[in-house]
Amino acid sequence: MATMSLNVSTVKPLGDRVFVKISGKEEKTAGGIFLPDTAQEKPQIGEVSAIGAGKLDDNGVRQPLEVKVGDKVLYSKYAGNELKIDGVEYVLLAEKDILAIVS
C-alpha cells in the first residue's frame, strides 16, 4: 500500500465543504487561572484555509460559498471532522455549520 503525505495545499474540499484551521484553545481564564487540558473547551473559531466549489442546486447550477479563504469564522461546537496535519488542527465543515464571519 502506498502512503501519501497530506499538507494543507494538497487538501481540496468538495462541494459546499470548508477546511478551517482551528484557533488555539483558551489555556487560562480571564482571572488568570490556568486550565488543565481536560477542562479546556473546544474552540469554535477558526480561519478558512480552503473551500469547495459550491453546492449544486436542483437545476444543476453551482451556488458559490459565502465564505472565502482567509475569513475568520464561528462554527457549531460539535460540527465537522477534526484532522491534524503537520501538527496543526483543522476541521472540515459543511457551509451550513458556519454560523458567522468574525471581523
PDB file of N, CA and C in Angstrom:
ATOM      1  N   MET A   1       0.840  -1.170   0.000  1.00  0.00           N
ATOM      2  CA  MET A   1       0.000   0.000   0.000  1.00  0.00           C
ATOM      3  C   MET A   1       0.893   1.243   0.000  1.00  0.00           C
ATOM      4  N   ALA A   2       0.608   2.172  -0.865  1.00  0.00           N
ATOM      5  CA  ALA A   2       1.388   3.409  -0.966  1.00  0.00           C
ATOM      6  C   ALA A   2       0.907   4.390   0.092  1.00  0.00           C
ATOM      7  N   THR A   3       1.833   5.146   0.632  1.00  0.00           N
ATOM      8  CA  THR A   3       1.468   6.162   1.609  1.00  0.00           C
ATOM      9  C   THR A   3       1.506   7.531   0.939  1.00  0.00           C
ATOM     10  N   MET A   4       0.693   8.426   1.460  1.00  0.00           N
ATOM     11  CA  MET A   4       0.630   9.762   0.899  1.00  0.00           C
ATOM     12  C   MET A   4       0.703  10.757   2.050  1.00  0.00           C
ATOM     13  N   SER A   5       1.573  11.736   1.928  1.00  0.00           N
ATOM     14  CA  SER A   5       1.641  12.734   2.992  1.00  0.00           C
ATOM     15  C   SER A   5       0.691  13.872   2.653  1.00  0.00           C
ATOM     16  N   LEU A   6      -0.055  14.288   3.670  1.00  0.00           N
ATOM     17  CA  LEU A   6      -1.018  15.365   3.483  1.00  0.00           C
ATOM     18  C   LEU A   6      -0.426  16.678   3.949  1.00  0.00           C
ATOM     19  N   ASN A   7      -0.730  17.734   3.250  1.00  0.00           N
ATOM     20  CA  ASN A   7      -0.492  19.076   3.739  1.00  0.00           C
ATOM     21  C   ASN A   7      -1.657  19.935   3.259  1.00  0.00           C
ATOM     22  N   VAL A   8      -1.767  21.105   3.786  1.00  0.00           N
ATOM     23  CA  VAL A   8      -2.940  21.946   3.506  1.00  0.00           C
ATOM     24  C   VAL A   8      -3.095  22.242   2.022  1.00  0.00           C
ATOM     25  N   SER A   9      -2.018  22.383   1.309  1.00  0.00           N
ATOM     26  CA  SER A   9      -2.118  22.710  -0.113  1.00  0.00           C
ATOM     27  C   SER A   9      -2.601  21.535  -0.955  1.00  0.00           C
ATOM     28  N   THR A  10      -2.542  20.302  -0.441  1.00  0.00           N
ATOM     29  CA  THR A  10      -2.997  19.140  -1.204  1.00  0.00           C
ATOM     30  C   THR A  10      -4.430  18.741  -0.872  1.00  0.00           C
ATOM     31  N   VAL A  11      -5.054  19.384   0.115  1.00  0.00           N
ATOM     32  CA  VAL A  11      -6.424  19.069   0.504  1.00  0.00           C
ATOM     33  C   VAL A  11      -7.371  20.055  -0.167  1.00  0.00           C
ATOM     34  N   LYS A  12      -8.289  19.553  -0.993  1.00  0.00           N
ATOM     35  CA  LYS A  12      -9.274  20.394  -1.684  1.00  0.00           C
ATOM     36  C   LYS A  12     -10.666  19.893  -1.298  1.00  0.00           C
ATOM     37  N   PRO A  13     -11.410  20.674  -0.498  1.00  0.00           N
ATOM     38  CA  PRO A  13     -12.760  20.260  -0.118  1.00  0.00           C
ATOM     39  C   PRO A  13     -13.681  20.152  -1.335  1.00  0.00           C
ATOM     40  N   LEU A  14     -14.655  19.268  -1.262  1.00  0.00           N
ATOM     41  CA  LEU A  14     -15.618  19.076  -2.343  1.00  0.00           C
ATOM     42  C   LEU A  14     -16.934  19.766  -2.019  1.00  0.00           C
ATOM     43  N   GLY A  15     -17.652  20.168  -3.040  1.00  0.00           N
ATOM     44  CA  GLY A  15     -18.982  20.747  -2.881  1.00  0.00           C
ATOM     45  C   GLY A  15     -18.999  21.969  -1.993  1.00  0.00           C
ATOM     46  N   ASP A  16     -19.864  21.927  -0.959  1.00  0.00           N
ATOM     47  CA  ASP A  16     -20.004  23.074  -0.055  1.00  0.00           C
ATOM     48  C   ASP A  16     -19.191  22.891   1.227  1.00  0.00           C
ATOM     49  N   ARG A  17     -18.127  22.123   1.159  1.00  0.00           N
ATOM     50  CA  ARG A  17     -17.271  21.884   2.327  1.00  0.00           C
ATOM     51  C   ARG A  17     -16.241  22.995   2.474  1.00  0.00           C
ATOM     52  N   VAL A  18     -15.857  23.244   3.742  1.00  0.00           N
ATOM     53  CA  VAL A  18     -14.905  24.292   4.079  1.00  0.00           C
ATOM     54  C   VAL A  18     -13.869  23.702   5.024  1.00  0.00           C
ATOM     55  N   PHE A  19     -12.594  23.965   4.756  1.00  0.00           N
ATOM     56  CA  PHE A  19     -11.475  23.475   5.555  1.00  0.00           C
ATOM     57  C   PHE A  19     -11.008  24.630   6.435  1.00  0.00           C
ATOM     58  N   VAL A  20     -11.123  24.477   7.766  1.00  0.00           N
ATOM     59  CA  VAL A  20     -10.868  25.566   8.712  1.00  0.00           C
ATOM     60  C   VAL A  20      -9.728  25.200   9.655  1.00  0.00           C
ATOM     61  N   LYS A  21      -8.768  26.122   9.808  1.00  0.00           N
ATOM     62  CA  LYS A  21      -7.688  25.963  10.781  1.00  0.00           C
ATOM     63  C   LYS A  21      -8.225  26.418  12.133  1.00  0.00           C
ATOM     64  N   ILE A  22      -8.187  25.518  13.125  1.00  0.00           N
ATOM     65  CA  ILE A  22      -8.752  25.801  14.440  1.00  0.00           C
ATOM     66  C   ILE A  22      -7.855  26.767  15.208  1.00  0.00           C
ATOM     67  N   SER A  23      -8.468  27.786  15.809  1.00  0.00           N
ATOM     68  CA  SER A  23      -7.729  28.722  16.663  1.00  0.00           C
ATOM     69  C   SER A  23      -7.326  27.997  17.947  1.00  0.00           C
ATOM     70  N   GLY A  24      -6.305  28.505  18.623  1.00  0.00           N
ATOM     71  CA  GLY A  24      -5.812  27.893  19.847  1.00  0.00           C
ATOM     72  C   GLY A  24      -6.850  27.868  20.952  1.00  0.00           C
ATOM     73  N   LYS A  25      -6.740  26.872  21.834  1.00  0.00           N
ATOM     74  CA  LYS A  25      -7.644  26.741  22.961  1.00  0.00           C
ATOM     75  C   LYS A  25      -7.269  27.744  24.044  1.00  0.00           C
ATOM     76  N   GLU A  26      -8.269  28.164  24.799  1.00  0.00           N
ATOM     77  CA  GLU A  26      -8.027  29.056  25.929  1.00  0.00           C
ATOM     78  C   GLU A  26      -7.345  28.255  27.026  1.00  0.00           C
ATOM     79  N   GLU A  27      -6.131  28.652  27.392  1.00  0.00           N
ATOM     80  CA  GLU A  27      -5.387  27.924  28.406  1.00  0.00           C
ATOM     81  C   GLU A  27      -5.510  28.535  29.788  1.00  0.00           C
ATOM     82  N   LYS A  28      -6.058  29.756  29.875  1.00  0.00           N
ATOM     83  CA  LYS A  28      -6.308  30.333  31.194  1.00  0.00           C
ATOM     84  C   LYS A  28      -7.557  31.196  31.145  1.00  0.00           C
ATOM     85  N   THR A  29      -8.155  31.377  32.313  1.00  0.00           N
ATOM     86  CA  THR A  29      -9.389  32.148  32.420  1.00  0.00           C
ATOM     87  C   THR A  29      -9.084  33.634  32.393  1.00  0.00           C
ATOM     88  N   ALA A  30     -10.142  34.440  32.332  1.00  0.00           N
ATOM     89  CA  ALA A  30      -9.972  35.892  32.346  1.00  0.00           C
ATOM     90  C   ALA A  30      -9.327  36.351  33.649  1.00  0.00           C
ATOM     91  N   GLY A  31      -9.528  35.588  34.724  1.00  0.00           N
ATOM     92  CA  GLY A  31      -8.942  35.923  36.017  1.00  0.00           C
ATOM     93  C   GLY A  31      -7.503  35.452  36.174  1.00  0.00           C
ATOM     94  N   GLY A  32      -6.958  34.746  35.167  1.00  0.00           N
ATOM     95  CA  GLY A  32      -5.566  34.315  35.198  1.00  0.00           C
ATOM     96  C   GLY A  32      -5.337  32.900  35.684  1.00  0.00           C
ATOM     97  N   ILE A  33      -6.399  32.121  35.897  1.00  0.00           N
ATOM     98  CA  ILE A  33      -6.254  30.740  36.360  1.00  0.00           C
ATOM     99  C   ILE A  33      -5.981  29.847  35.160  1.00  0.00           C
ATOM    100  N   PHE A  34      -4.897  29.052  35.231  1.00  0.00           N
ATOM    101  CA  PHE A  34      -4.559  28.130  34.150  1.00  0.00           C
ATOM    102  C   PHE A  34      -5.467  26.912  34.196  1.00  0.00           C
ATOM    103  N   LEU A  35      -5.966  26.522  33.023  1.00  0.00           N
ATOM    104  CA  LEU A  35      -6.881  25.383  32.912  1.00  0.00           C
ATOM    105  C   LEU A  35      -6.132  24.132  32.464  1.00  0.00           C
ATOM    106  N   PRO A  36      -6.400  22.975  33.084  1.00  0.00           N
ATOM    107  CA  PRO A  36      -5.804  21.732  32.582  1.00  0.00           C
ATOM    108  C   PRO A  36      -6.459  21.336  31.265  1.00  0.00           C
ATOM    109  N   ASP A  37      -5.823  20.464  30.495  1.00  0.00           N
ATOM    110  CA  ASP A  37      -6.355  20.050  29.186  1.00  0.00           C
ATOM    111  C   ASP A  37      -7.778  19.526  29.281  1.00  0.00           C
ATOM    112  N   THR A  38      -8.098  18.815  30.361  1.00  0.00           N
ATOM    113  CA  THR A  38      -9.431  18.221  30.488  1.00  0.00           C
ATOM    114  C   THR A  38     -10.524  19.260  30.719  1.00  0.00           C
ATOM    115  N   ALA A  39     -10.156  20.450  31.199  1.00  0.00           N
ATOM    116  CA  ALA A  39     -11.146  21.495  31.479  1.00  0.00           C
ATOM    117  C   ALA A  39     -11.275  22.513  30.359  1.00  0.00           C
ATOM    118  N   GLN A  40     -10.417  22.439  29.347  1.00  0.00           N
ATOM    119  CA  GLN A  40     -10.461  23.411  28.256  1.00  0.00           C
ATOM    120  C   GLN A  40     -11.618  23.101  27.319  1.00  0.00           C
ATOM    121  N   GLU A  41     -12.329  24.147  26.918  1.00  0.00           N
ATOM    122  CA  GLU A  41     -13.442  23.971  25.988  1.00  0.00           C
ATOM    123  C   GLU A  41     -12.943  23.864  24.559  1.00  0.00           C
ATOM    124  N   LYS A  42     -13.713  23.155  23.763  1.00  0.00           N
ATOM    125  CA  LYS A  42     -13.396  23.010  22.346  1.00  0.00           C
ATOM    126  C   LYS A  42     -13.588  24.363  21.652  1.00  0.00           C
ATOM    127  N   PRO A  43     -12.575  24.847  20.902  1.00  0.00           N
ATOM    128  CA  PRO A  43     -12.721  26.145  20.229  1.00  0.00           C
ATOM    129  C   PRO A  43     -13.781  26.100  19.136  1.00  0.00           C
ATOM    130  N   GLN A  44     -14.389  27.252  18.868  1.00  0.00           N
ATOM    131  CA  GLN A  44     -15.414  27.363  17.837  1.00  0.00           C
ATOM    132  C   GLN A  44     -15.065  28.417  16.801  1.00  0.00           C
ATOM    133  N   ILE A  45     -13.853  28.953  16.860  1.00  0.00           N
ATOM    134  CA  ILE A  45     -13.430  29.977  15.910  1.00  0.00           C
ATOM    135  C   ILE A  45     -12.204  29.482  15.167  1.00  0.00           C
ATOM    136  N   GLY A  46     -12.151  29.750  13.873  1.00  0.00           N
ATOM    137  CA  GLY A  46     -11.004  29.355  13.079  1.00  0.00           C
ATOM    138  C   GLY A  46     -10.905  30.180  11.809  1.00  0.00           C
ATOM    139  N   GLU A  47      -9.830  29.927  11.071  1.00  0.00           N
ATOM    140  CA  GLU A  47      -9.588  30.650   9.820  1.00  0.00           C
ATOM    141  C   GLU A  47      -9.771  29.702   8.647  1.00  0.00           C
ATOM    142  N   VAL A  48     -10.515  30.125   7.645  1.00  0.00           N
ATOM    143  CA  VAL A  48     -10.776  29.311   6.460  1.00  0.00           C
ATOM    144  C   VAL A  48      -9.474  29.130   5.677  1.00  0.00           C
ATOM    145  N   SER A  49      -9.087  27.867   5.451  1.00  0.00           N
ATOM    146  CA  SER A  49      -7.860  27.556   4.725  1.00  0.00           C
ATOM    147  C   SER A  49      -8.122  27.144   3.279  1.00  0.00           C
ATOM    148  N   ALA A  50      -9.273  26.511   3.033  1.00  0.00           N
ATOM    149  CA  ALA A  50      -9.628  26.084   1.673  1.00  0.00           C
ATOM    150  C   ALA A  50     -11.138  25.919   1.596  1.00  0.00           C
ATOM    151  N   ILE A  51     -11.698  26.118   0.413  1.00  0.00           N
ATOM    152  CA  ILE A  51     -13.139  25.964   0.215  1.00  0.00           C
ATOM    153  C   ILE A  51     -13.404  25.117  -1.020  1.00  0.00           C
ATOM    154  N   GLY A  52     -14.581  24.500  -1.034  1.00  0.00           N
ATOM    155  CA  GLY A  52     -15.003  23.736  -2.200  1.00  0.00           C
ATOM    156  C   GLY A  52     -15.585  24.661  -3.264  1.00  0.00           C
ATOM    157  N   ALA A  53     -16.026  24.064  -4.363  1.00  0.00           N
ATOM    158  CA  ALA A  53     -16.548  24.841  -5.484  1.00  0.00           C
ATOM    159  C   ALA A  53     -17.967  25.343  -5.255  1.00  0.00           C
ATOM    160  N   GLY A  54     -18.678  24.767  -4.296  1.00  0.00           N
ATOM    161  CA  GLY A  54     -20.054  25.174  -4.022  1.00  0.00           C
ATOM    162  C   GLY A  54     -21.008  24.022  -4.263  1.00  0.00           C
ATOM    163  N   LYS A  55     -22.202  24.150  -3.724  1.00  0.00           N
ATOM    164  CA  LYS A  55     -23.211  23.104  -3.826  1.00  0.00           C
ATOM    165  C   LYS A  55     -24.028  23.274  -5.101  1.00  0.00           C
ATOM    166  N   LEU A  56     -24.421  22.157  -5.703  1.00  0.00           N
ATOM    167  CA  LEU A  56     -25.289  22.195  -6.883  1.00  0.00           C
ATOM    168  C   LEU A  56     -26.736  22.308  -6.435  1.00  0.00           C
ATOM    169  N   ASP A  57     -27.503  23.228  -7.054  1.00  0.00           N
ATOM    170  CA  ASP A  57     -28.921  23.322  -6.727  1.00  0.00           C
ATOM    171  C   ASP A  57     -29.710  22.322  -7.571  1.00  0.00           C
ATOM    172  N   ASP A  58     -31.024  22.350  -7.480  1.00  0.00           N
ATOM    173  CA  ASP A  58     -31.882  21.397  -8.188  1.00  0.00           C
ATOM    174  C   ASP A  58     -31.781  21.511  -9.704  1.00  0.00           C
ATOM    175  N   ASN A  59     -31.369  22.682 -10.219  1.00  0.00           N
ATOM    176  CA  ASN A  59     -31.238  22.893 -11.660  1.00  0.00           C
ATOM    177  C   ASN A  59     -29.840  22.591 -12.174  1.00  0.00           C
ATOM    178  N   GLY A  60     -28.937  22.133 -11.287  1.00  0.00           N
ATOM    179  CA  GLY A  60     -27.580  21.827 -11.697  1.00  0.00           C
ATOM    180  C   GLY A  60     -26.656  23.034 -11.740  1.00  0.00           C
ATOM    181  N   VAL A  61     -27.108  24.150 -11.183  1.00  0.00           N
ATOM    182  CA  VAL A  61     -26.296  25.367 -11.148  1.00  0.00           C
ATOM    183  C   VAL A  61     -25.516  25.393  -9.830  1.00  0.00           C
ATOM    184  N   ARG A  62     -24.227  25.650  -9.917  1.00  0.00           N
ATOM    185  CA  ARG A  62     -23.385  25.670  -8.725  1.00  0.00           C
ATOM    186  C   ARG A  62     -23.576  26.978  -7.968  1.00  0.00           C
ATOM    187  N   GLN A  63     -23.884  26.867  -6.679  1.00  0.00           N
ATOM    188  CA  GLN A  63     -24.076  28.022  -5.809  1.00  0.00           C
ATOM    189  C   GLN A  63     -22.765  28.330  -5.090  1.00  0.00           C
ATOM    190  N   PRO A  64     -22.178  29.505  -5.281  1.00  0.00           N
ATOM    191  CA  PRO A  64     -20.898  29.819  -4.638  1.00  0.00           C
ATOM    192  C   PRO A  64     -21.045  29.934  -3.120  1.00  0.00           C
ATOM    193  N   LEU A  65     -19.956  29.695  -2.416  1.00  0.00           N
ATOM    194  CA  LEU A  65     -19.964  29.782  -0.963  1.00  0.00           C
ATOM    195  C   LEU A  65     -19.899  31.240  -0.521  1.00  0.00           C
ATOM    196  N   GLU A  66     -20.432  31.527   0.675  1.00  0.00           N
ATOM    197  CA  GLU A  66     -20.414  32.889   1.209  1.00  0.00           C
ATOM    198  C   GLU A  66     -19.077  33.229   1.853  1.00  0.00           C
ATOM    199  N   VAL A  67     -18.315  32.222   2.265  1.00  0.00           N
ATOM    200  CA  VAL A  67     -17.020  32.470   2.895  1.00  0.00           C
ATOM    201  C   VAL A  67     -15.909  32.331   1.867  1.00  0.00           C
ATOM    202  N   LYS A  68     -14.757  32.929   2.174  1.00  0.00           N
ATOM    203  CA  LYS A  68     -13.605  32.812   1.283  1.00  0.00           C
ATOM    204  C   LYS A  68     -12.374  32.490   2.119  1.00  0.00           C
ATOM    205  N   VAL A  69     -11.318  32.061   1.469  1.00  0.00           N
ATOM    206  CA  VAL A  69     -10.073  31.727   2.154  1.00  0.00           C
ATOM    207  C   VAL A  69      -9.572  32.967   2.888  1.00  0.00           C
ATOM    208  N   GLY A  70      -9.196  32.780   4.143  1.00  0.00           N
ATOM    209  CA  GLY A  70      -8.705  33.884   4.961  1.00  0.00           C
ATOM    210  C   GLY A  70      -9.741  34.443   5.918  1.00  0.00           C
ATOM    211  N   ASP A  71     -11.035  34.149   5.698  1.00  0.00           N
ATOM    212  CA  ASP A  71     -12.078  34.618   6.613  1.00  0.00           C
ATOM    213  C   ASP A  71     -11.936  33.930   7.965  1.00  0.00           C
ATOM    214  N   LYS A  72     -12.190  34.680   9.032  1.00  0.00           N
ATOM    215  CA  LYS A  72     -12.243  34.117  10.378  1.00  0.00           C
ATOM    216  C   LYS A  72     -13.713  33.815  10.641  1.00  0.00           C
ATOM    217  N   VAL A  73     -14.026  32.565  11.023  1.00  0.00           N
ATOM    218  CA  VAL A  73     -15.416  32.145  11.149  1.00  0.00           C
ATOM    219  C   VAL A  73     -15.709  31.542  12.514  1.00  0.00           C
ATOM    220  N   LEU A  74     -16.972  31.628  12.902  1.00  0.00           N
ATOM    221  CA  LEU A  74     -17.514  30.995  14.099  1.00  0.00           C
ATOM    222  C   LEU A  74     -18.340  29.818  13.604  1.00  0.00           C
ATOM    223  N   TYR A  75     -18.073  28.615  14.129  1.00  0.00           N
ATOM    224  CA  TYR A  75     -18.792  27.434  13.658  1.00  0.00           C
ATOM    225  C   TYR A  75     -19.397  26.665  14.821  1.00  0.00           C
ATOM    226  N   SER A  76     -20.330  25.773  14.531  1.00  0.00           N
ATOM    227  CA  SER A  76     -21.006  24.976  15.549  1.00  0.00           C
ATOM    228  C   SER A  76     -20.003  24.156  16.342  1.00  0.00           C
ATOM    229  N   LYS A  77     -20.272  24.002  17.625  1.00  0.00           N
ATOM    230  CA  LYS A  77     -19.326  23.394  18.556  1.00  0.00           C
ATOM    231  C   LYS A  77     -18.927  21.963  18.186  1.00  0.00           C
ATOM    232  N   TYR A  78     -19.876  21.122  17.829  1.00  0.00           N
ATOM    233  CA  TYR A  78     -19.572  19.716  17.559  1.00  0.00           C
ATOM    234  C   TYR A  78     -19.723  19.362  16.083  1.00  0.00           C
ATOM    235  N   ALA A  79     -19.568  20.328  15.204  1.00  0.00           N
ATOM    236  CA  ALA A  79     -19.730  20.115  13.767  1.00  0.00           C
ATOM    237  C   ALA A  79     -18.429  19.656  13.122  1.00  0.00           C
ATOM    238  N   GLY A  80     -18.547  18.985  12.004  1.00  0.00           N
ATOM    239  CA  GLY A  80     -17.399  18.660  11.167  1.00  0.00           C
ATOM    240  C   GLY A  80     -16.535  17.522  11.648  1.00  0.00           C
ATOM    241  N   ASN A  81     -15.463  17.297  10.901  1.00  0.00           N
ATOM    242  CA  ASN A  81     -14.486  16.251  11.194  1.00  0.00           C
ATOM    243  C   ASN A  81     -13.149  16.899  11.487  1.00  0.00           C
ATOM    244  N   GLU A  82     -12.576  16.571  12.635  1.00  0.00           N
ATOM    245  CA  GLU A  82     -11.293  17.152  13.010  1.00  0.00           C
ATOM    246  C   GLU A  82     -10.147  16.360  12.403  1.00  0.00           C
ATOM    247  N   LEU A  83      -9.132  17.079  11.927  1.00  0.00           N
ATOM    248  CA  LEU A  83      -7.940  16.478  11.334  1.00  0.00           C
ATOM    249  C   LEU A  83      -6.715  17.170  11.905  1.00  0.00           C
ATOM    250  N   LYS A  84      -5.606  16.448  11.966  1.00  0.00           N
ATOM    251  CA  LYS A  84      -4.349  17.058  12.386  1.00  0.00           C
ATOM    252  C   LYS A  84      -3.356  16.831  11.253  1.00  0.00           C
ATOM    253  N   ILE A  85      -2.880  17.925  10.659  1.00  0.00           N
ATOM    254  CA  ILE A  85      -1.935  17.857   9.545  1.00  0.00           C
ATOM    255  C   ILE A  85      -0.698  18.659   9.924  1.00  0.00           C
ATOM    256  N   ASP A  86       0.450  18.025   9.886  1.00  0.00           N
ATOM    257  CA  ASP A  86       1.716  18.668  10.249  1.00  0.00           C
ATOM    258  C   ASP A  86       1.650  19.327  11.627  1.00  0.00           C
ATOM    259  N   GLY A  87       0.962  18.683  12.564  1.00  0.00           N
ATOM    260  CA  GLY A  87       0.875  19.192  13.930  1.00  0.00           C
ATOM    261  C   GLY A  87      -0.121  20.314  14.139  1.00  0.00           C
ATOM    262  N   VAL A  88      -0.847  20.710  13.099  1.00  0.00           N
ATOM    263  CA  VAL A  88      -1.836  21.791  13.191  1.00  0.00           C
ATOM    264  C   VAL A  88      -3.233  21.175  13.098  1.00  0.00           C
ATOM    265  N   GLU A  89      -4.144  21.644  13.959  1.00  0.00           N
ATOM    266  CA  GLU A  89      -5.503  21.108  13.972  1.00  0.00           C
ATOM    267  C   GLU A  89      -6.411  21.862  13.004  1.00  0.00           C
ATOM    268  N   TYR A  90      -7.177  21.086  12.250  1.00  0.00           N
ATOM    269  CA  TYR A  90      -8.137  21.622  11.278  1.00  0.00           C
ATOM    270  C   TYR A  90      -9.471  20.932  11.485  1.00  0.00           C
ATOM    271  N   VAL A  91     -10.525  21.523  10.960  1.00  0.00           N
ATOM    272  CA  VAL A  91     -11.842  20.899  10.948  1.00  0.00           C
ATOM    273  C   VAL A  91     -12.419  21.070   9.540  1.00  0.00           C
ATOM    274  N   LEU A  92     -13.017  19.998   9.024  1.00  0.00           N
ATOM    275  CA  LEU A  92     -13.660  20.013   7.710  1.00  0.00           C
ATOM    276  C   LEU A  92     -15.161  20.105   7.954  1.00  0.00           C
ATOM    277  N   LEU A  93     -15.766  21.219   7.523  1.00  0.00           N
ATOM    278  CA  LEU A  93     -17.162  21.531   7.804  1.00  0.00           C
ATOM    279  C   LEU A  93     -17.990  21.659   6.540  1.00  0.00           C
ATOM    280  N   ALA A  94     -19.292  21.448   6.675  1.00  0.00           N
ATOM    281  CA  ALA A  94     -20.226  21.851   5.625  1.00  0.00           C
ATOM    282  C   ALA A  94     -20.507  23.334   5.844  1.00  0.00           C
ATOM    283  N   GLU A  95     -20.779  24.078   4.785  1.00  0.00           N
ATOM    284  CA  GLU A  95     -21.015  25.517   4.925  1.00  0.00           C
ATOM    285  C   GLU A  95     -22.160  25.812   5.894  1.00  0.00           C
ATOM    286  N   LYS A  96     -23.155  24.952   5.967  1.00  0.00           N
ATOM    287  CA  LYS A  96     -24.294  25.180   6.862  1.00  0.00           C
ATOM    288  C   LYS A  96     -23.894  25.178   8.337  1.00  0.00           C
ATOM    289  N   ASP A  97     -22.731  24.587   8.670  1.00  0.00           N
ATOM    290  CA  ASP A  97     -22.263  24.551  10.056  1.00  0.00           C
ATOM    291  C   ASP A  97     -21.537  25.820  10.473  1.00  0.00           C
ATOM    292  N   ILE A  98     -21.284  26.718   9.515  1.00  0.00           N
ATOM    293  CA  ILE A  98     -20.653  28.000   9.833  1.00  0.00           C
ATOM    294  C   ILE A  98     -21.754  28.971  10.236  1.00  0.00           C
ATOM    295  N   LEU A  99     -21.599  29.552  11.431  1.00  0.00           N
ATOM    296  CA  LEU A  99     -22.627  30.421  11.982  1.00  0.00           C
ATOM    297  C   LEU A  99     -22.433  31.890  11.623  1.00  0.00           C
ATOM    298  N   ALA A 100     -21.159  32.326  11.537  1.00  0.00           N
ATOM    299  CA  ALA A 100     -20.906  33.754  11.297  1.00  0.00           C
ATOM    300  C   ALA A 100     -19.469  33.958  10.823  1.00  0.00           C
ATOM    301  N   ILE A 101     -19.253  35.082  10.143  1.00  0.00           N
ATOM    302  CA  ILE A 101     -17.906  35.527   9.811  1.00  0.00           C
ATOM    303  C   ILE A 101     -17.531  36.560  10.864  1.00  0.00           C
ATOM    304  N   VAL A 102     -16.378  36.362  11.505  1.00  0.00           N
ATOM    305  CA  VAL A 102     -15.924  37.235  12.590  1.00  0.00           C
ATOM    306  C   VAL A 102     -14.939  38.253  12.029  1.00  0.00           C
ATOM    307  N   SER A 103     -15.140  39.532  12.362  1.00  0.00           N
ATOM    308  CA  SER A 103     -14.229  40.559  11.855  1.00  0.00           C
ATOM    309  C   SER A 103     -13.245  40.983  12.910  1.00  0.00           C
TER     310      SER A 103
END
